[in-house]
Amino acid sequence: MIKKAESRNTRRLGRAKPRLIECTPGTHRYTITPDGRRHAQFLTRVHDRLLRTGLAELSDQRPDPPPLRRAADTYNAAVDQLIHHAGLAA
């Protein structure tokens, strides 16, 4: 059953717009397209430059937290308040 799901997902990737991968004719192999390479490079840069530093700020435990940490704390408090008012378990 897993094989069917894997092949179905591969077909979906091949049909995705913009095309990120393409099938090599006559084989069961796929190659990355120029658009796919650009997407991969972009996502790698986003991870390296934004996510890594952002996650570091979120986990910063200094007494004077960075702006991203303060915003996350405010957001979490607002969500907790909505959960409390709705009578849901946290």
PDB file of N, CA and C in Angstrom:
ATOM      1  N   MET A   1       0.813  -1.202   0.000  1.00  0.00           N
ATOM      2  CA  MET A   1       0.000   0.000   0.000  1.00  0.00           C
ATOM      3  C   MET A   1       0.854   1.264   0.000  1.00  0.00           C
ATOM      4  N   ILE A   2       2.003   1.209   0.685  1.00  0.00           N
ATOM      5  CA  ILE A   2       2.879   2.372   0.735  1.00  0.00           C
ATOM      6  C   ILE A   2       3.414   2.694  -0.650  1.00  0.00           C
ATOM      7  N   LYS A   3       3.733   1.673  -1.445  1.00  0.00           N
ATOM      8  CA  LYS A   3       4.258   1.904  -2.795  1.00  0.00           C
ATOM      9  C   LYS A   3       3.267   2.712  -3.635  1.00  0.00           C
ATOM     10  N   LYS A   4       1.969   2.379  -3.525  1.00  0.00           N
ATOM     11  CA  LYS A   4       0.960   3.122  -4.291  1.00  0.00           C
ATOM     12  C   LYS A   4       0.949   4.586  -3.882  1.00  0.00           C
ATOM     13  N   ALA A   5       1.001   4.852  -2.587  1.00  0.00           N
ATOM     14  CA  ALA A   5       0.990   6.235  -2.109  1.00  0.00           C
ATOM     15  C   ALA A   5       2.231   6.980  -2.593  1.00  0.00           C
ATOM     16  N   GLU A   6       3.392   6.324  -2.551  1.00  0.00           N
ATOM     17  CA  GLU A   6       4.621   6.970  -3.006  1.00  0.00           C
ATOM     18  C   GLU A   6       4.548   7.303  -4.482  1.00  0.00           C
ATOM     19  N   SER A   7       4.074   6.373  -5.293  1.00  0.00           N
ATOM     20  CA  SER A   7       4.005   6.643  -6.733  1.00  0.00           C
ATOM     21  C   SER A   7       2.966   7.713  -7.032  1.00  0.00           C
ATOM     22  N   ARG A   8       1.881   7.731  -6.281  1.00  0.00           N
ATOM     23  CA  ARG A   8       0.848   8.748  -6.484  1.00  0.00           C
ATOM     24  C   ARG A   8       1.419  10.126  -6.151  1.00  0.00           C
ATOM     25  N   ASN A   9       2.181  10.217  -5.060  1.00  0.00           N
ATOM     26  CA  ASN A   9       2.790  11.493  -4.693  1.00  0.00           C
ATOM     27  C   ASN A   9       3.824  11.937  -5.714  1.00  0.00           C
ATOM     28  N   THR A  10       4.586  11.005  -6.259  1.00  0.00           N
ATOM     29  CA  THR A  10       5.569  11.338  -7.284  1.00  0.00           C
ATOM     30  C   THR A  10       4.868  11.877  -8.526  1.00  0.00           C
ATOM     31  N   ARG A  11       3.765  11.241  -8.919  1.00  0.00           N
ATOM     32  CA  ARG A  11       3.008  11.741 -10.071  1.00  0.00           C
ATOM     33  C   ARG A  11       2.485  13.141  -9.802  1.00  0.00           C
ATOM     34  N   ARG A  12       2.020  13.391  -8.587  1.00  0.00           N
ATOM     35  CA  ARG A  12       1.519  14.728  -8.251  1.00  0.00           C
ATOM     36  C   ARG A  12       2.638  15.759  -8.342  1.00  0.00           C
ATOM     37  N   LEU A  13       3.837  15.408  -7.868  1.00  0.00           N
ATOM     38  CA  LEU A  13       4.960  16.331  -7.970  1.00  0.00           C
ATOM     39  C   LEU A  13       5.281  16.637  -9.426  1.00  0.00           C
ATOM     40  N   GLY A  14       5.212  15.619 -10.272  1.00  0.00           N
ATOM     41  CA  GLY A  14       5.505  15.808 -11.680  1.00  0.00           C
ATOM     42  C   GLY A  14       4.495  16.682 -12.386  1.00  0.00           C
ATOM     43  N   ARG A  15       3.269  16.675 -11.894  1.00  0.00           N
ATOM     44  CA  ARG A  15       2.212  17.491 -12.504  1.00  0.00           C
ATOM     45  C   ARG A  15       2.115  18.880 -11.902  1.00  0.00           C
ATOM     46  N   ALA A  16       2.804  19.103 -10.807  1.00  0.00           N
ATOM     47  CA  ALA A  16       2.705  20.377 -10.107  1.00  0.00           C
ATOM     48  C   ALA A  16       3.138  21.521 -11.023  1.00  0.00           C
ATOM     49  N   LYS A  17       2.467  22.637 -10.883  1.00  0.00           N
ATOM     50  CA  LYS A  17       2.819  23.834 -11.634  1.00  0.00           C
ATOM     51  C   LYS A  17       3.442  24.811 -10.677  1.00  0.00           C
ATOM     52  N   PRO A  18       4.539  25.438 -10.904  1.00  0.00           N
ATOM     53  CA  PRO A  18       5.430  25.160 -12.009  1.00  0.00           C
ATOM     54  C   PRO A  18       6.095  23.799 -11.853  1.00  0.00           C
ATOM     55  N   ARG A  19       6.484  23.218 -12.944  1.00  0.00           N
ATOM     56  CA  ARG A  19       7.065  21.876 -12.913  1.00  0.00           C
ATOM     57  C   ARG A  19       8.391  21.905 -12.164  1.00  0.00           C
ATOM     58  N   LEU A  20       8.449  21.134 -11.090  1.00  0.00           N
ATOM     59  CA  LEU A  20       9.656  21.086 -10.281  1.00  0.00           C
ATOM     60  C   LEU A  20      10.542  19.913 -10.676  1.00  0.00           C
ATOM     61  N   ILE A  21       9.910  18.835 -11.138  1.00  0.00           N
ATOM     62  CA  ILE A  21      10.648  17.669 -11.618  1.00  0.00           C
ATOM     63  C   ILE A  21      10.014  17.210 -12.913  1.00  0.00           C
ATOM     64  N   GLU A  22      10.773  16.450 -13.686  1.00  0.00           N
ATOM     65  CA  GLU A  22      10.214  15.882 -14.914  1.00  0.00           C
ATOM     66  C   GLU A  22      10.736  14.468 -15.079  1.00  0.00           C
ATOM     67  N   CYS A  23       9.914  13.644 -15.697  1.00  0.00           N
ATOM     68  CA  CYS A  23      10.258  12.248 -15.918  1.00  0.00           C
ATOM     69  C   CYS A  23      11.246  12.146 -17.071  1.00  0.00           C
ATOM     70  N   THR A  24      12.235  11.291 -16.906  1.00  0.00           N
ATOM     71  CA  THR A  24      13.154  11.000 -17.996  1.00  0.00           C
ATOM     72  C   THR A  24      12.483   9.939 -18.862  1.00  0.00           C
ATOM     73  N   PRO A  25      12.213  10.239 -20.146  1.00  0.00           N
ATOM     74  CA  PRO A  25      11.477   9.299 -20.995  1.00  0.00           C
ATOM     75  C   PRO A  25      12.131   7.920 -21.044  1.00  0.00           C
ATOM     76  N   GLY A  26      11.291   6.895 -20.956  1.00  0.00           N
ATOM     77  CA  GLY A  26      11.756   5.519 -21.053  1.00  0.00           C
ATOM     78  C   GLY A  26      12.387   4.975 -19.784  1.00  0.00           C
ATOM     79  N   THR A  27      12.328   5.744 -18.705  1.00  0.00           N
ATOM     80  CA  THR A  27      12.903   5.287 -17.439  1.00  0.00           C
ATOM     81  C   THR A  27      11.904   5.543 -16.309  1.00  0.00           C
ATOM     82  N   HIS A  28      12.263   5.113 -15.133  1.00  0.00           N
ATOM     83  CA  HIS A  28      11.468   5.409 -13.940  1.00  0.00           C
ATOM     84  C   HIS A  28      12.185   6.455 -13.095  1.00  0.00           C
ATOM     85  N   ARG A  29      12.942   7.307 -13.761  1.00  0.00           N
ATOM     86  CA  ARG A  29      13.728   8.323 -13.066  1.00  0.00           C
ATOM     87  C   ARG A  29      13.160   9.709 -13.323  1.00  0.00           C
ATOM     88  N   TYR A  30      13.428  10.592 -12.365  1.00  0.00           N
ATOM     89  CA  TYR A  30      13.011  11.977 -12.480  1.00  0.00           C
ATOM     90  C   TYR A  30      14.228  12.874 -12.329  1.00  0.00           C
ATOM     91  N   THR A  31      14.195  14.018 -12.983  1.00  0.00           N
ATOM     92  CA  THR A  31      15.260  15.007 -12.837  1.00  0.00           C
ATOM     93  C   THR A  31      14.636  16.327 -12.423  1.00  0.00           C
ATOM     94  N   ILE A  32      15.422  17.123 -11.729  1.00  0.00           N
ATOM     95  CA  ILE A  32      14.928  18.417 -11.286  1.00  0.00           C
ATOM     96  C   ILE A  32      15.016  19.401 -12.455  1.00  0.00           C
ATOM     97  N   THR A  33      14.022  20.235 -12.594  1.00  0.00           N
ATOM     98  CA  THR A  33      13.991  21.238 -13.661  1.00  0.00           C
ATOM     99  C   THR A  33      14.696  22.497 -13.168  1.00  0.00           C
ATOM    100  N   PRO A  34      14.998  23.409 -14.078  1.00  0.00           N
ATOM    101  CA  PRO A  34      15.582  24.684 -13.636  1.00  0.00           C
ATOM    102  C   PRO A  34      14.686  25.411 -12.619  1.00  0.00           C
ATOM    103  N   ASP A  35      13.364  25.381 -12.828  1.00  0.00           N
ATOM    104  CA  ASP A  35      12.449  25.983 -11.852  1.00  0.00           C
ATOM    105  C   ASP A  35      12.532  25.261 -10.512  1.00  0.00           C
ATOM    106  N   GLY A  36      12.622  23.951 -10.552  1.00  0.00           N
ATOM    107  CA  GLY A  36      12.739  23.172  -9.329  1.00  0.00           C
ATOM    108  C   GLY A  36      14.000  23.514  -8.571  1.00  0.00           C
ATOM    109  N   ARG A  37      15.097  23.698  -9.290  1.00  0.00           N
ATOM    110  CA  ARG A  37      16.358  24.072  -8.650  1.00  0.00           C
ATOM    111  C   ARG A  37      16.246  25.448  -8.010  1.00  0.00           C
ATOM    112  N   ARG A  38      15.611  26.398  -8.717  1.00  0.00           N
ATOM    113  CA  ARG A  38      15.443  27.745  -8.153  1.00  0.00           C
ATOM    114  C   ARG A  38      14.584  27.701  -6.895  1.00  0.00           C
ATOM    115  N   HIS A  39      13.504  26.896  -6.926  1.00  0.00           N
ATOM    116  CA  HIS A  39      12.656  26.763  -5.734  1.00  0.00           C
ATOM    117  C   HIS A  39      13.452  26.165  -4.572  1.00  0.00           C
ATOM    118  N   ALA A  40      14.228  25.151  -4.843  1.00  0.00           N
ATOM    119  CA  ALA A  40      15.021  24.504  -3.798  1.00  0.00           C
ATOM    120  C   ALA A  40      16.037  25.485  -3.205  1.00  0.00           C
ATOM    121  N   GLN A  41      16.689  26.262  -4.059  1.00  0.00           N
ATOM    122  CA  GLN A  41      17.659  27.242  -3.565  1.00  0.00           C
ATOM    123  C   GLN A  41      16.967  28.320  -2.733  1.00  0.00           C
ATOM    124  N   PHE A  42      15.802  28.772  -3.190  1.00  0.00           N
ATOM    125  CA  PHE A  42      15.057  29.788  -2.447  1.00  0.00           C
ATOM    126  C   PHE A  42      14.667  29.271  -1.067  1.00  0.00           C
ATOM    127  N   LEU A  43      14.104  28.066  -1.016  1.00  0.00           N
ATOM    128  CA  LEU A  43      13.671  27.515   0.265  1.00  0.00           C
ATOM    129  C   LEU A  43      14.848  27.259   1.196  1.00  0.00           C
ATOM    130  N   THR A  44      15.984  26.872   0.640  1.00  0.00           N
ATOM    131  CA  THR A  44      17.181  26.688   1.455  1.00  0.00           C
ATOM    132  C   THR A  44      17.625  28.018   2.045  1.00  0.00           C
ATOM    133  N   ARG A  45      17.601  29.072   1.239  1.00  0.00           N
ATOM    134  CA  ARG A  45      17.984  30.392   1.747  1.00  0.00           C
ATOM    135  C   ARG A  45      17.014  30.880   2.814  1.00  0.00           C
ATOM    136  N   VAL A  46      15.714  30.662   2.591  1.00  0.00           N
ATOM    137  CA  VAL A  46      14.723  31.052   3.603  1.00  0.00           C
ATOM    138  C   VAL A  46      15.021  30.344   4.916  1.00  0.00           C
ATOM    139  N   HIS A  47      15.297  29.052   4.837  1.00  0.00           N
ATOM    140  CA  HIS A  47      15.616  28.302   6.051  1.00  0.00           C
ATOM    141  C   HIS A  47      16.859  28.856   6.726  1.00  0.00           C
ATOM    142  N   ASP A  48      17.921  29.029   5.958  1.00  0.00           N
ATOM    143  CA  ASP A  48      19.197  29.440   6.537  1.00  0.00           C
ATOM    144  C   ASP A  48      19.161  30.860   7.094  1.00  0.00           C
ATOM    145  N   ARG A  49      18.491  31.763   6.396  1.00  0.00           N
ATOM    146  CA  ARG A  49      18.560  33.179   6.782  1.00  0.00           C
ATOM    147  C   ARG A  49      17.416  33.619   7.681  1.00  0.00           C
ATOM    148  N   LEU A  50      16.247  33.008   7.552  1.00  0.00           N
ATOM    149  CA  LEU A  50      15.095  33.462   8.328  1.00  0.00           C
ATOM    150  C   LEU A  50      14.686  32.485   9.425  1.00  0.00           C
ATOM    151  N   LEU A  51      14.428  31.252   9.045  1.00  0.00           N
ATOM    152  CA  LEU A  51      13.895  30.306  10.019  1.00  0.00           C
ATOM    153  C   LEU A  51      14.879  30.018  11.144  1.00  0.00           C
ATOM    154  N   ARG A  52      16.124  29.789  10.787  1.00  0.00           N
ATOM    155  CA  ARG A  52      17.108  29.454  11.814  1.00  0.00           C
ATOM    156  C   ARG A  52      17.248  30.590  12.821  1.00  0.00           C
ATOM    157  N   THR A  53      17.376  31.828  12.338  1.00  0.00           N
ATOM    158  CA  THR A  53      17.526  32.958  13.258  1.00  0.00           C
ATOM    159  C   THR A  53      16.224  33.249  13.990  1.00  0.00           C
ATOM    160  N   GLY A  54      15.092  33.086  13.296  1.00  0.00           N
ATOM    161  CA  GLY A  54      13.796  33.311  13.945  1.00  0.00           C
ATOM    162  C   GLY A  54      13.533  32.317  15.048  1.00  0.00           C
ATOM    163  N   LEU A  55      13.834  31.056  14.802  1.00  0.00           N
ATOM    164  CA  LEU A  55      13.642  30.038  15.839  1.00  0.00           C
ATOM    165  C   LEU A  55      14.586  30.276  17.014  1.00  0.00           C
ATOM    166  N   ALA A  56      15.780  30.764  16.741  1.00  0.00           N
ATOM    167  CA  ALA A  56      16.713  31.083  17.824  1.00  0.00           C
ATOM    168  C   ALA A  56      16.153  32.213  18.680  1.00  0.00           C
ATOM    169  N   GLU A  57      15.539  33.221  18.045  1.00  0.00           N
ATOM    170  CA  GLU A  57      14.932  34.317  18.808  1.00  0.00           C
ATOM    171  C   GLU A  57      13.756  33.825  19.636  1.00  0.00           C
ATOM    172  N   LEU A  58      12.973  32.907  19.076  1.00  0.00           N
ATOM    173  CA  LEU A  58      11.804  32.405  19.809  1.00  0.00           C
ATOM    174  C   LEU A  58      12.209  31.615  21.046  1.00  0.00           C
ATOM    175  N   SER A  59      13.341  30.942  20.994  1.00  0.00           N
ATOM    176  CA  SER A  59      13.767  30.138  22.133  1.00  0.00           C
ATOM    177  C   SER A  59      14.681  30.909  23.087  1.00  0.00           C
ATOM    178  N   ASP A  60      14.936  32.179  22.781  1.00  0.00           N
ATOM    179  CA  ASP A  60      15.799  33.016  23.615  1.00  0.00           C
ATOM    180  C   ASP A  60      15.128  33.269  24.960  1.00  0.00           C
ATOM    181  N   GLN A  61      15.831  32.982  26.052  1.00  0.00           N
ATOM    182  CA  GLN A  61      15.260  33.103  27.392  1.00  0.00           C
ATOM    183  C   GLN A  61      15.796  34.320  28.153  1.00  0.00           C
ATOM    184  N   ARG A  62      16.330  35.306  27.452  1.00  0.00           N
ATOM    185  CA  ARG A  62      16.838  36.505  28.128  1.00  0.00           C
ATOM    186  C   ARG A  62      15.704  37.265  28.818  1.00  0.00           C
ATOM    187  N   PRO A  63      16.022  38.023  29.868  1.00  0.00           N
ATOM    188  CA  PRO A  63      14.979  38.812  30.548  1.00  0.00           C
ATOM    189  C   PRO A  63      14.343  39.846  29.623  1.00  0.00           C
ATOM    190  N   ASP A  64      15.130  40.411  28.708  1.00  0.00           N
ATOM    191  CA  ASP A  64      14.602  41.369  27.733  1.00  0.00           C
ATOM    192  C   ASP A  64      14.530  40.661  26.381  1.00  0.00           C
ATOM    193  N   PRO A  65      13.394  40.003  26.074  1.00  0.00           N
ATOM    194  CA  PRO A  65      13.324  39.186  24.861  1.00  0.00           C
ATOM    195  C   PRO A  65      13.343  40.023  23.578  1.00  0.00           C
ATOM    196  N   PRO A  66      13.811  39.421  22.494  1.00  0.00           N
ATOM    197  CA  PRO A  66      13.805  40.117  21.200  1.00  0.00           C
ATOM    198  C   PRO A  66      12.364  40.332  20.711  1.00  0.00           C
ATOM    199  N   PRO A  67      12.170  41.230  19.730  1.00  0.00           N
ATOM    200  CA  PRO A  67      10.816  41.556  19.257  1.00  0.00           C
ATOM    201  C   PRO A  67      10.006  40.340  18.800  1.00  0.00           C
ATOM    202  N   LEU A  68      10.641  39.405  18.109  1.00  0.00           N
ATOM    203  CA  LEU A  68       9.897  38.235  17.627  1.00  0.00           C
ATOM    204  C   LEU A  68       9.380  37.401  18.795  1.00  0.00           C
ATOM    205  N   ARG A  69      10.183  37.274  19.840  1.00  0.00           N
ATOM    206  CA  ARG A  69       9.761  36.523  21.027  1.00  0.00           C
ATOM    207  C   ARG A  69       8.597  37.221  21.719  1.00  0.00           C
ATOM    208  N   ARG A  70       8.662  38.552  21.832  1.00  0.00           N
ATOM    209  CA  ARG A  70       7.555  39.305  22.453  1.00  0.00           C
ATOM    210  C   ARG A  70       6.278  39.132  21.654  1.00  0.00           C
ATOM    211  N   ALA A  71       6.384  39.177  20.314  1.00  0.00           N
ATOM    212  CA  ALA A  71       5.198  39.007  19.461  1.00  0.00           C
ATOM    213  C   ALA A  71       4.626  37.602  19.622  1.00  0.00           C
ATOM    214  N   ALA A  72       5.473  36.604  19.697  1.00  0.00           N
ATOM    215  CA  ALA A  72       5.009  35.225  19.868  1.00  0.00           C
ATOM    216  C   ALA A  72       4.332  35.052  21.221  1.00  0.00           C
ATOM    217  N   ASP A  73       4.895  35.658  22.261  1.00  0.00           N
ATOM    218  CA  ASP A  73       4.279  35.572  23.587  1.00  0.00           C
ATOM    219  C   ASP A  73       2.905  36.231  23.592  1.00  0.00           C
ATOM    220  N   THR A  74       2.783  37.379  22.937  1.00  0.00           N
ATOM    221  CA  THR A  74       1.491  38.074  22.842  1.00  0.00           C
ATOM    222  C   THR A  74       0.480  37.220  22.084  1.00  0.00           C
ATOM    223  N   TYR A  75       0.904  36.634  20.983  1.00  0.00           N
ATOM    224  CA  TYR A  75       0.032  35.766  20.187  1.00  0.00           C
ATOM    225  C   TYR A  75      -0.420  34.553  21.009  1.00  0.00           C
ATOM    226  N   ASN A  76       0.505  33.908  21.694  1.00  0.00           N
ATOM    227  CA  ASN A  76       0.156  32.742  22.507  1.00  0.00           C
ATOM    228  C   ASN A  76      -0.817  33.109  23.620  1.00  0.00           C
ATOM    229  N   ALA A  77      -0.634  34.273  24.241  1.00  0.00           N
ATOM    230  CA  ALA A  77      -1.553  34.716  25.295  1.00  0.00           C
ATOM    231  C   ALA A  77      -2.947  34.952  24.724  1.00  0.00           C
ATOM    232  N   ALA A  78      -3.030  35.537  23.526  1.00  0.00           N
ATOM    233  CA  ALA A  78      -4.331  35.786  22.902  1.00  0.00           C
ATOM    234  C   ALA A  78      -5.037  34.475  22.561  1.00  0.00           C
ATOM    235  N   VAL A  79      -4.291  33.498  22.049  1.00  0.00           N
ATOM    236  CA  VAL A  79      -4.882  32.192  21.737  1.00  0.00           C
ATOM    237  C   VAL A  79      -5.351  31.506  23.017  1.00  0.00           C
ATOM    238  N   ASP A  80      -4.539  31.558  24.069  1.00  0.00           N
ATOM    239  CA  ASP A  80      -4.943  30.964  25.351  1.00  0.00           C
ATOM    240  C   ASP A  80      -6.214  31.609  25.879  1.00  0.00           C
ATOM    241  N   GLN A  81      -6.324  32.923  25.712  1.00  0.00           N
ATOM    242  CA  GLN A  81      -7.524  33.626  26.164  1.00  0.00           C
ATOM    243  C   GLN A  81      -8.752  33.197  25.356  1.00  0.00           C
ATOM    244  N   LEU A  82      -8.609  33.052  24.056  1.00  0.00           N
ATOM    245  CA  LEU A  82      -9.716  32.578  23.231  1.00  0.00           C
ATOM    246  C   LEU A  82     -10.139  31.167  23.633  1.00  0.00           C
ATOM    247  N   ILE A  83      -9.178  30.306  23.916  1.00  0.00           N
ATOM    248  CA  ILE A  83      -9.476  28.938  24.338  1.00  0.00           C
ATOM    249  C   ILE A  83     -10.220  28.971  25.663  1.00  0.00           C
ATOM    250  N   HIS A  84      -9.790  29.827  26.591  1.00  0.00           N
ATOM    251  CA  HIS A  84     -10.454  29.935  27.896  1.00  0.00           C
ATOM    252  C   HIS A  84     -11.890  30.407  27.734  1.00  0.00           C
ATOM    253  N   HIS A  85     -12.098  31.456  26.906  1.00  0.00           N
ATOM    254  CA  HIS A  85     -13.447  31.972  26.707  1.00  0.00           C
ATOM    255  C   HIS A  85     -14.361  30.990  26.001  1.00  0.00           C
ATOM    256  N   ALA A  86     -13.789  30.159  25.144  1.00  0.00           N
ATOM    257  CA  ALA A  86     -14.585  29.161  24.433  1.00  0.00           C
ATOM    258  C   ALA A  86     -14.886  27.962  25.322  1.00  0.00           C
ATOM    259  N   GLY A  87     -14.215  27.867  26.463  1.00  0.00           N
ATOM    260  CA  GLY A  87     -14.441  26.754  27.370  1.00  0.00           C
ATOM    261  C   GLY A  87     -13.778  25.456  26.912  1.00  0.00           C
ATOM    262  N   LEU A  88     -12.738  25.592  26.119  1.00  0.00           N
ATOM    263  CA  LEU A  88     -12.024  24.408  25.639  1.00  0.00           C
ATOM    264  C   LEU A  88     -10.865  24.091  26.571  1.00  0.00           C
ATOM    265  N   ALA A  89     -10.467  22.827  26.593  1.00  0.00           N
ATOM    266  CA  ALA A  89      -9.296  22.444  27.381  1.00  0.00           C
ATOM    267  C   ALA A  89      -8.034  22.901  26.655  1.00  0.00           C
ATOM    268  N   ALA A  90      -7.092  23.402  27.399  1.00  0.00           N
ATOM    269  CA  ALA A  90      -5.851  23.908  26.787  1.00  0.00           C
ATOM    270  C   ALA A  90      -4.920  22.801  26.421  1.00  0.00           C
TER     271      ALA A  90
END
